[in-house]
C-alpha atoms as a PDB file:
ATOM      1  CA  MET A   1       2.053 -38.865  55.991  1.00  0.00           C
ATOM      2  CA  PRO A   2      -0.298 -37.579  58.879  1.00  0.00           C
ATOM      3  CA  THR A   3      -3.243 -35.474  57.643  1.00  0.00           C
ATOM      4  CA  VAL A   4      -4.513 -31.677  59.704  1.00  0.00           C
ATOM      5  CA  GLN A   5      -8.112 -32.484  60.905  1.00  0.00           C
ATOM      6  CA  ASN A   6     -10.355 -29.666  60.126  1.00  0.00           C
ATOM      7  CA  LEU A   7     -11.735 -27.952  62.395  1.00  0.00           C
ATOM      8  CA  SER A   8     -14.753 -25.600  62.736  1.00  0.00           C
ATOM      9  CA  THR A   9     -13.257 -22.407  64.239  1.00  0.00           C
ATOM     10  CA  GLY A  10     -16.289 -20.950  65.405  1.00  0.00           C
ATOM     11  CA  LYS A  11     -17.849 -21.055  69.517  1.00  0.00           C
ATOM     12  CA  ASN A  12     -20.704 -22.835  71.051  1.00  0.00           C
ATOM     13  CA  GLU A  13     -24.078 -21.517  72.830  1.00  0.00           C
ATOM     14  CA  LEU A  14     -21.754 -22.509  75.663  1.00  0.00           C
ATOM     15  CA  TRP A  15     -19.249 -20.340  75.683  1.00  0.00           C
ATOM     16  CA  LYS A  16     -21.500 -17.784  74.474  1.00  0.00           C
ATOM     17  CA  ALA A  17     -23.280 -18.269  77.471  1.00  0.00           C
ATOM     18  CA  TYR A  18     -20.329 -18.270  79.621  1.00  0.00           C
ATOM     19  CA  GLN A  19     -19.063 -15.214  78.141  1.00  0.00           C
ATOM     20  CA  ASN A  20     -21.611 -13.120  78.908  1.00  0.00           C
ATOM     21  CA  ALA A  21     -21.601 -14.282  82.395  1.00  0.00           C
ATOM     22  CA  ALA A  22     -20.544 -11.907  85.325  1.00  0.00           C
ATOM     23  CA  PRO A  23     -17.207 -11.936  85.991  1.00  0.00           C
ATOM     24  CA  LEU A  24     -17.695 -13.696  89.639  1.00  0.00           C
ATOM     25  CA  LYS A  25     -19.095 -17.176  87.736  1.00  0.00           C
ATOM     26  CA  HIS A  26     -15.812 -16.881  85.217  1.00  0.00           C
ATOM     27  CA  HIS A  27     -13.534 -17.207  87.731  1.00  0.00           C
ATOM     28  CA  GLU A  28     -15.957 -20.001  89.840  1.00  0.00           C
ATOM     29  CA  ILE A  29     -15.906 -21.749  86.482  1.00  0.00           C
ATOM     30  CA  LEU A  30     -12.537 -22.025  85.541  1.00  0.00           C
ATOM     31  CA  LEU A  31     -11.125 -22.832  88.988  1.00  0.00           C
ATOM     32  CA  GLU A  32     -13.460 -25.799  89.452  1.00  0.00           C
ATOM     33  CA  LEU A  33     -12.800 -27.012  85.997  1.00  0.00           C
ATOM     34  CA  LYS A  34      -8.795 -26.622  86.970  1.00  0.00           C
ATOM     35  CA  ALA A  35      -9.573 -28.469  89.682  1.00  0.00           C
ATOM     36  CA  ALA A  36     -11.500 -31.405  88.229  1.00  0.00           C
ATOM     37  CA  GLY A  37      -8.612 -31.626  85.877  1.00  0.00           C
ATOM     38  CA  LEU A  38     -11.148 -30.572  82.556  1.00  0.00           C
ATOM     39  CA  TYR A  39      -9.917 -26.854  81.857  1.00  0.00           C
ATOM     40  CA  ARG A  40      -8.226 -28.244  78.516  1.00  0.00           C
ATOM     41  CA  HIS A  41     -11.430 -30.361  77.700  1.00  0.00           C
ATOM     42  CA  TRP A  42     -13.268 -27.246  78.260  1.00  0.00           C
ATOM     43  CA  GLN A  43     -11.569 -25.327  75.755  1.00  0.00           C
ATOM     44  CA  THR A  44     -11.746 -28.023  73.205  1.00  0.00           C
ATOM     45  CA  VAL A  45     -15.682 -28.277  73.866  1.00  0.00           C
ATOM     46  CA  ALA A  46     -16.088 -24.651  73.817  1.00  0.00           C
ATOM     47  CA  SER A  47     -13.759 -24.285  70.537  1.00  0.00           C
ATOM     48  CA  LYS A  48     -15.985 -26.765  68.433  1.00  0.00           C
ATOM     49  CA  GLU A  49     -19.241 -25.102  66.910  1.00  0.00           C
ATOM     50  CA  GLY A  50     -22.302 -26.925  67.081  1.00  0.00           C
ATOM     51  CA  HIS A  51     -20.916 -29.348  69.408  1.00  0.00           C
ATOM     52  CA  ASP A  52     -23.457 -31.562  70.786  1.00  0.00           C
ATOM     53  CA  LEU A  53     -23.548 -30.580  74.559  1.00  0.00           C
ATOM     54  CA  ARG A  54     -25.543 -33.958  75.769  1.00  0.00           C
ATOM     55  CA  MET A  55     -22.256 -35.657  74.746  1.00  0.00           C
ATOM     56  CA  ALA A  56     -19.867 -33.341  77.216  1.00  0.00           C
ATOM     57  CA  LYS A  57     -18.534 -35.313  80.037  1.00  0.00           C
ATOM     58  CA  ALA A  58     -20.704 -35.349  82.841  1.00  0.00           C
ATOM     59  CA  PRO A  59     -18.189 -33.588  85.366  1.00  0.00           C
ATOM     60  CA  LEU A  60     -18.011 -30.331  82.970  1.00  0.00           C
ATOM     61  CA  ARG A  61     -21.903 -30.417  82.645  1.00  0.00           C
ATOM     62  CA  ASP A  62     -21.792 -30.545  86.375  1.00  0.00           C
ATOM     63  CA  ILE A  63     -19.685 -27.809  86.899  1.00  0.00           C
ATOM     64  CA  PHE A  64     -21.664 -25.122  84.499  1.00  0.00           C
ATOM     65  CA  LEU A  65     -25.181 -26.675  86.028  1.00  0.00           C
ATOM     66  CA  LYS A  66     -23.935 -25.897  89.822  1.00  0.00           C
ATOM     67  CA  VAL A  67     -22.856 -22.432  88.725  1.00  0.00           C
ATOM     68  CA  MET A  68     -24.713 -21.408  85.921  1.00  0.00           C
ATOM     69  CA  PRO A  69     -28.121 -23.885  86.440  1.00  0.00           C
ATOM     70  CA  GLU A  70     -29.430 -21.615  82.914  1.00  0.00           C
ATOM     71  CA  THR A  71     -27.119 -23.697  81.041  1.00  0.00           C
ATOM     72  CA  ALA A  72     -29.117 -27.052  81.753  1.00  0.00           C
ATOM     73  CA  PRO A  73     -31.315 -26.906  78.455  1.00  0.00           C
ATOM     74  CA  MET A  74     -27.801 -26.582  76.619  1.00  0.00           C
ATOM     75  CA  PHE A  75     -27.033 -29.716  77.719  1.00  0.00           C
ATOM     76  CA  GLY A  76     -30.198 -31.485  77.568  1.00  0.00           C
ATOM     77  CA  VAL A  77     -30.837 -31.815  81.408  1.00  0.00           C
ATOM     78  CA  LYS A  78     -34.276 -30.458  82.836  1.00  0.00           C
ATOM     79  CA  LEU A  79     -33.444 -29.153  86.270  1.00  0.00           C
ATOM     80  CA  PRO A  80     -36.456 -30.154  89.171  1.00  0.00           C
ATOM     81  CA  THR A  81     -38.391 -26.791  90.066  1.00  0.00           C
ATOM     82  CA  THR A  82     -38.165 -25.522  93.878  1.00  0.00           C
END
């Protein structure tokens, strides 16, 4: 008999940063995620409270770093300063 895996129902820090971002950033991120075929993966990652974002798929990370560079520390990435 299959068992149901208990998942945490809270949201992680990336989700909170996404929710606090400007609406234009929301749309840009969603369009890029859908174009890359990562929208469903994003929903899964965002719904895991305490998820180690350093283990997120690289294209997902790259989309967020491009649109919201302030999320770099969440992914364990240090962006070069200009």
